[in-house]
Amino acid sequence: MENLSEPLETIAIPLVIFVPAYLRDHHIGDRIVLPAVEALQIVARSAHATGNTDLCRQERAVFRHPLMIDSGAAEIPAVHEHARYADGRCLSRLTTLRSGRQMKFTRRMEHLSVWFAPADREVVGVEADPPPDPVDAGAPEGPAFMVSDSRLYEELVPFGPAYRNVRGGVLLTPDGISASVSGGDFPEAEGPLGSPFPLDAAMHAACAWGQRYRNRVVFPIGFDRREILSPTRAGEIYFCRIRPLPDEGSVLRFDVCLCGPDRRPFEVIHGLAMKDIFAGRFVPPAWVGEGV
């Protein structure tokens, strides 16, 4: 990582994360979990309010600790820690306070860190390989395995209706993934980064690939770079093409491209990292395994 000068400005912005009804459909086991895409939207809204308009390129995002939400919670107090640097970049962190047993101690828990960088800035510390070419984003090659959207969400990624945004199933091969994804049914979820639902659905497709070819249920833990060329919108359908990259130990990595019907790119994500963060608690069903 490059040497960093001291930030020009560092501020801590108190936030209240409201828990809309649709968010309760995003659960892992019996716990509601704030989606990574929603965490990114939260800090982007806050950064936008500070006057930072360079939000469409994000670098070195890390989803450190899932933010678990109590079933009866209507809102969650949080803090957006925002640092601005001379070269135009900003570092955002989303944190909450966590209390120990019997309230004997509290500590700040970091859930997300991400850099927002000007679009014309050279990428530093990030692999420069291009994301999938949307023009050539046809069906992936190799022996294909189709998972219907109903089976995907009933057995592989068991979220509620609001987060079931893969449409028509997922086509899996060892070399790639293709699917159609929806911008969701909740315009109020849109923000500076567009709709959070298409990228969230792309992560579901990548999770299915991990279950098929790596026998692991994996969750997003970050990405190298994300560029939003045109914000996605609620109610729209996008074509999703995902290319697996070489594994890094227990971490699976992917390049993602979200395109419109004319294959015009809306978002490209390089180096999406996914991992089993629950120590094998969740196991893929036998039918999805390669060779079954």
Protein backbone atom coordinates (compact mmCIF):
# COMPACT_ATOMS: atom_id res chain seq x y z
CA MET A 1 0.00 0.00 0.00
CA GLU A 2 1.26 3.48 -0.81
CA ASN A 3 2.47 5.86 1.88
CA LEU A 4 -0.30 8.23 2.86
CA SER A 5 0.03 11.80 4.01
CA GLU A 6 -2.10 13.05 6.84
CA PRO A 7 -5.69 13.79 5.81
CA LEU A 8 -6.69 17.38 5.25
CA GLU A 9 -9.83 16.80 7.29
CA THR A 10 -11.22 14.05 9.50
CA ILE A 11 -14.77 14.16 10.78
CA ALA A 12 -17.02 11.77 12.68
CA ILE A 13 -20.63 12.03 11.54
CA PRO A 14 -23.33 10.53 13.80
CA LEU A 15 -25.84 8.52 11.78
CA VAL A 16 -29.13 6.80 12.38
CA ILE A 17 -29.58 3.72 10.18
CA PHE A 18 -33.30 3.22 9.71
CA VAL A 19 -34.52 -0.37 9.27
CA PRO A 20 -37.23 -0.44 6.59
CA ALA A 21 -39.49 -3.46 6.37
CA TYR A 22 -37.78 -4.79 3.23
CA LEU A 23 -34.43 -4.96 5.02
CA ARG A 24 -35.82 -7.72 7.26
CA ASP A 25 -35.76 -10.03 4.24
CA HIS A 26 -31.96 -9.99 4.33
CA HIS A 27 -31.21 -12.59 6.98
CA ILE A 28 -28.54 -15.21 7.57
CA GLY A 29 -29.93 -18.02 9.63
CA ASP A 30 -32.25 -16.32 12.13
CA ARG A 31 -30.38 -12.97 12.20
CA ILE A 32 -31.09 -9.89 10.10
CA VAL A 33 -27.86 -8.61 8.55
CA LEU A 34 -27.19 -5.26 6.93
CA PRO A 35 -26.21 -6.05 3.30
CA ALA A 36 -22.78 -4.89 2.15
CA VAL A 37 -24.43 -2.93 -0.68
CA GLU A 38 -26.63 -1.08 1.83
CA ALA A 39 -23.59 -0.22 3.99
CA LEU A 40 -21.92 1.28 0.90
CA GLN A 41 -25.05 3.30 0.15
CA ILE A 42 -25.22 4.60 3.72
CA VAL A 43 -21.67 6.00 3.72
CA ALA A 44 -22.12 7.32 0.15
CA ARG A 45 -25.22 9.29 1.21
CA SER A 46 -23.33 10.71 4.16
CA ALA A 47 -20.24 11.51 2.08
CA HIS A 48 -22.45 13.20 -0.52
CA ALA A 49 -23.90 15.41 2.22
CA THR A 50 -20.38 16.60 3.09
CA GLY A 51 -19.95 17.89 -0.47
CA ASN A 52 -17.99 14.93 -1.81
CA THR A 53 -19.36 14.32 -5.30
CA ASP A 54 -16.74 11.78 -6.43
CA LEU A 55 -18.55 8.65 -5.28
CA CYS A 56 -18.81 6.48 -8.39
CA ARG A 57 -15.30 5.04 -8.12
CA GLN A 58 -14.73 3.00 -4.97
CA GLU A 59 -11.46 1.29 -4.10
CA ARG A 60 -10.24 -1.24 -1.54
CA ALA A 61 -13.61 -1.85 0.10
CA VAL A 62 -13.46 -4.14 3.13
CA PHE A 63 -16.56 -5.55 4.84
CA ARG A 64 -15.01 -6.33 8.22
CA HIS A 65 -17.81 -7.37 10.57
CA PRO A 66 -21.42 -8.06 9.57
CA LEU A 67 -23.82 -5.63 11.23
CA MET A 68 -26.40 -7.84 12.91
CA ILE A 69 -29.79 -6.24 13.51
CA ASP A 70 -32.19 -7.20 16.30
CA SER A 71 -35.54 -8.35 14.95
CA GLY A 72 -37.43 -5.58 16.75
CA ALA A 73 -35.02 -2.75 15.93
CA ALA A 74 -36.40 0.24 14.01
CA GLU A 75 -33.13 2.17 13.87
CA ILE A 76 -29.45 1.70 14.66
CA PRO A 77 -27.08 4.43 15.90
CA ALA A 78 -23.84 4.48 13.94
CA VAL A 79 -20.91 6.74 13.05
CA HIS A 80 -19.48 7.58 9.63
CA GLU A 81 -15.77 8.34 10.02
CA HIS A 82 -14.77 10.37 6.98
CA ALA A 83 -11.23 11.48 6.06
CA ARG A 84 -10.40 13.70 3.08
CA TYR A 85 -6.96 13.73 1.41
CA ALA A 86 -5.16 16.30 -0.72
CA ASP A 87 -5.27 14.15 -3.87
CA GLY A 88 -9.06 14.09 -3.83
CA ARG A 89 -9.59 10.69 -2.26
CA CYS A 90 -11.74 10.14 0.80
CA LEU A 91 -11.69 7.22 3.23
CA SER A 92 -15.03 6.29 4.79
CA ARG A 93 -15.65 3.92 7.67
CA LEU A 94 -19.00 2.78 9.06
CA THR A 95 -18.84 1.91 12.75
CA THR A 96 -21.14 1.12 15.66
CA LEU A 97 -20.61 0.77 19.41
CA ARG A 98 -20.76 -2.72 20.85
CA SER A 99 -21.28 -3.35 24.56
CA GLY A 100 -19.77 -6.24 26.48
CA ARG A 101 -21.56 -8.46 28.92
CA GLN A 102 -23.37 -6.60 31.67
CA MET A 103 -22.31 -3.33 30.00
CA LYS A 104 -18.83 -3.58 31.55
CA PHE A 105 -17.19 -2.21 28.41
CA THR A 106 -17.94 -0.80 24.99
CA ARG A 107 -15.83 -0.81 21.87
CA ARG A 108 -16.23 0.56 18.39
CA MET A 109 -16.90 -2.07 15.75
CA GLU A 110 -15.95 -1.32 12.13
CA HIS A 111 -18.31 -2.79 9.56
CA LEU A 112 -17.08 -1.17 6.35
CA SER A 113 -14.11 0.78 5.09
CA VAL A 114 -13.96 2.11 1.52
CA TRP A 115 -12.03 4.69 -0.47
CA PHE A 116 -13.88 7.08 -2.77
CA ALA A 117 -11.57 8.29 -5.53
CA PRO A 118 -11.92 10.80 -8.38
CA ALA A 119 -12.70 9.02 -11.64
CA ASP A 120 -9.62 10.49 -13.37
CA ARG A 121 -7.21 9.39 -10.65
CA GLU A 122 -4.76 6.59 -11.41
CA VAL A 123 -5.59 3.46 -9.43
CA VAL A 124 -2.96 2.72 -6.78
CA GLY A 125 -2.62 -0.57 -4.96
CA VAL A 126 -5.28 -2.25 -7.09
CA GLU A 127 -4.80 -4.82 -9.83
CA ALA A 128 -5.17 -3.15 -13.21
CA ASP A 129 -6.70 -6.10 -15.10
CA PRO A 130 -9.87 -5.02 -16.92
CA PRO A 131 -13.29 -6.31 -15.84
CA PRO A 132 -15.30 -8.53 -18.21
CA ASP A 133 -15.86 -6.96 -21.61
CA PRO A 134 -19.62 -6.26 -21.82
CA VAL A 135 -19.52 -6.38 -25.61
CA ASP A 136 -18.33 -9.98 -25.57
CA ALA A 137 -20.31 -10.99 -22.50
CA GLY A 138 -22.09 -13.95 -24.00
CA ALA A 139 -22.86 -17.19 -22.22
CA PRO A 140 -19.82 -18.55 -20.37
CA GLU A 141 -18.03 -21.44 -22.02
CA GLY A 142 -17.66 -24.97 -20.65
CA PRO A 143 -20.12 -27.55 -19.24
CA ALA A 144 -23.11 -25.55 -18.04
CA PHE A 145 -25.21 -26.02 -14.92
CA MET A 146 -28.47 -24.10 -14.57
CA VAL A 147 -29.96 -23.16 -11.20
CA SER A 148 -33.50 -21.80 -11.32
CA ASP A 149 -34.17 -18.59 -9.42
CA SER A 150 -36.72 -20.38 -7.23
CA ARG A 151 -34.24 -23.06 -6.22
CA LEU A 152 -31.47 -20.48 -5.79
CA TYR A 153 -33.49 -18.63 -3.17
CA GLU A 154 -35.15 -21.60 -1.56
CA GLU A 155 -31.98 -23.65 -1.03
CA LEU A 156 -28.75 -21.77 -1.82
CA VAL A 157 -29.33 -18.13 -0.81
CA PRO A 158 -32.47 -18.27 1.38
CA PHE A 159 -33.38 -14.58 1.61
CA GLY A 160 -36.86 -13.10 1.72
CA PRO A 161 -38.73 -11.65 -1.29
CA ALA A 162 -37.12 -8.17 -1.30
CA TYR A 163 -33.69 -9.69 -1.92
CA ARG A 164 -34.69 -12.28 -4.52
CA ASN A 165 -33.55 -10.29 -7.52
CA VAL A 166 -32.01 -12.89 -9.82
CA ARG A 167 -34.49 -13.35 -12.67
CA GLY A 168 -34.79 -16.58 -14.67
CA GLY A 169 -32.00 -18.48 -12.93
CA VAL A 170 -28.21 -18.56 -12.92
CA LEU A 171 -26.07 -20.23 -15.60
CA LEU A 172 -22.87 -21.61 -14.05
CA THR A 173 -19.77 -22.99 -15.72
CA PRO A 174 -16.26 -23.45 -14.30
CA ASP A 175 -15.19 -20.33 -16.24
CA GLY A 176 -18.06 -17.98 -15.68
CA ILE A 177 -21.53 -17.02 -14.51
CA SER A 178 -24.37 -15.26 -16.29
CA ALA A 179 -27.75 -14.12 -15.01
CA SER A 180 -30.35 -11.40 -15.34
CA VAL A 181 -30.81 -9.29 -12.20
CA SER A 182 -33.43 -6.78 -11.14
CA GLY A 183 -33.08 -3.29 -9.69
CA GLY A 184 -35.61 -4.32 -7.07
CA ASP A 185 -39.03 -3.03 -6.12
CA PHE A 186 -38.03 -0.30 -3.66
CA PRO A 187 -37.15 3.08 -5.21
CA GLU A 188 -36.54 4.45 -1.72
CA ALA A 189 -33.43 2.24 -1.52
CA GLU A 190 -31.79 4.21 -4.33
CA GLY A 191 -29.07 6.72 -3.50
CA PRO A 192 -25.88 8.20 -4.92
CA LEU A 193 -24.77 4.72 -5.99
CA GLY A 194 -28.05 3.84 -7.71
CA SER A 195 -30.05 0.80 -6.63
CA PRO A 196 -28.23 -1.60 -4.28
CA PHE A 197 -30.14 -4.64 -5.54
CA PRO A 198 -28.39 -5.56 -8.84
CA LEU A 199 -24.94 -5.87 -7.27
CA ASP A 200 -26.45 -7.71 -4.32
CA ALA A 201 -28.04 -10.20 -6.74
CA ALA A 202 -24.72 -10.60 -8.56
CA MET A 203 -23.21 -11.62 -5.23
CA HIS A 204 -25.94 -14.27 -4.92
CA ALA A 205 -24.94 -15.67 -8.31
CA ALA A 206 -21.28 -15.74 -7.23
CA CYS A 207 -22.31 -17.51 -4.01
CA ALA A 208 -24.04 -20.19 -6.10
CA TRP A 209 -20.81 -20.63 -8.12
CA GLY A 210 -18.84 -21.12 -4.90
CA GLN A 211 -21.28 -23.78 -3.74
CA ARG A 212 -21.13 -25.57 -7.09
CA TYR A 213 -17.37 -25.52 -7.74
CA ARG A 214 -15.77 -24.96 -4.31
CA ASN A 215 -18.30 -26.65 -1.99
CA ARG A 216 -18.40 -23.51 0.16
CA VAL A 217 -21.08 -21.01 1.12
CA VAL A 218 -19.26 -17.70 0.74
CA PHE A 219 -20.15 -14.13 1.63
CA PRO A 220 -18.72 -10.84 0.34
CA ILE A 221 -15.76 -9.47 2.29
CA GLY A 222 -14.71 -6.64 -0.05
CA PHE A 223 -13.56 -5.69 -3.52
CA ASP A 224 -10.59 -4.02 -5.19
CA ARG A 225 -12.44 -1.52 -7.34
CA ARG A 226 -15.98 -0.60 -8.33
CA GLU A 227 -16.86 1.89 -11.04
CA ILE A 228 -20.43 3.07 -11.52
CA LEU A 229 -20.77 4.32 -15.08
CA SER A 230 -24.54 4.82 -14.92
CA PRO A 231 -26.55 4.26 -11.72
CA THR A 232 -28.91 1.28 -11.75
CA ARG A 233 -32.57 1.88 -11.01
CA ALA A 234 -35.47 0.13 -9.31
CA GLY A 235 -37.69 -1.90 -11.63
CA GLU A 236 -35.06 -2.27 -14.37
CA ILE A 237 -33.46 -5.53 -15.54
CA TYR A 238 -29.69 -5.84 -16.04
CA PHE A 239 -27.48 -8.48 -17.57
CA CYS A 240 -24.86 -9.80 -15.15
CA ARG A 241 -21.63 -11.45 -16.33
CA ILE A 242 -19.16 -12.73 -13.72
CA ARG A 243 -15.67 -14.10 -14.32
CA PRO A 244 -14.00 -16.14 -11.56
CA LEU A 245 -10.42 -15.13 -10.80
CA PRO A 246 -7.76 -17.37 -9.21
CA ASP A 247 -8.52 -18.21 -5.60
CA GLU A 248 -6.44 -16.58 -2.89
CA GLY A 249 -6.33 -19.27 -0.23
CA SER A 250 -9.82 -19.55 1.22
CA VAL A 251 -10.97 -16.40 -0.59
CA LEU A 252 -12.83 -16.64 -3.91
CA ARG A 253 -12.44 -13.67 -6.24
CA PHE A 254 -14.52 -12.47 -9.16
CA ASP A 255 -14.83 -9.74 -11.77
CA VAL A 256 -18.40 -8.52 -12.29
CA CYS A 257 -20.04 -6.54 -15.07
CA LEU A 258 -23.62 -5.24 -14.93
CA CYS A 259 -25.00 -4.15 -18.30
CA GLY A 260 -28.22 -2.86 -19.77
CA PRO A 261 -30.22 -4.71 -22.45
CA ASP A 262 -27.98 -3.18 -25.14
CA ARG A 263 -24.87 -4.46 -23.28
CA ARG A 264 -23.99 -0.91 -22.25
CA PRO A 265 -22.08 -1.23 -18.95
CA PHE A 266 -23.65 0.26 -15.85
CA GLU A 267 -21.23 -1.07 -13.23
CA VAL A 268 -17.93 -2.92 -13.28
CA ILE A 269 -16.45 -4.49 -10.16
CA HIS A 270 -12.93 -5.87 -10.10
CA GLY A 271 -11.73 -8.30 -7.46
CA LEU A 272 -14.96 -9.01 -5.59
CA ALA A 273 -13.75 -11.13 -2.66
CA MET A 274 -15.97 -13.75 -1.02
CA LYS A 275 -15.26 -16.13 1.82
CA ASP A 276 -16.89 -18.52 4.29
CA ILE A 277 -17.07 -16.21 7.32
CA PHE A 278 -19.08 -18.60 9.49
CA ALA A 279 -16.52 -21.39 9.87
CA GLY A 280 -18.48 -23.98 7.91
CA ARG A 281 -21.79 -23.43 9.69
CA PHE A 282 -23.58 -23.34 6.33
CA VAL A 283 -23.06 -26.25 3.94
CA PRO A 284 -24.13 -26.47 0.27
CA PRO A 285 -26.85 -29.00 -0.51
CA ALA A 286 -25.59 -32.17 -2.18
CA TRP A 287 -27.47 -31.60 -5.46
CA VAL A 288 -25.53 -28.47 -6.39
CA GLY A 289 -22.07 -30.08 -6.21
CA GLU A 290 -20.08 -30.51 -9.38
CA GLY A 291 -20.49 -33.98 -10.86
CA VAL A 292 -23.80 -34.61 -9.11
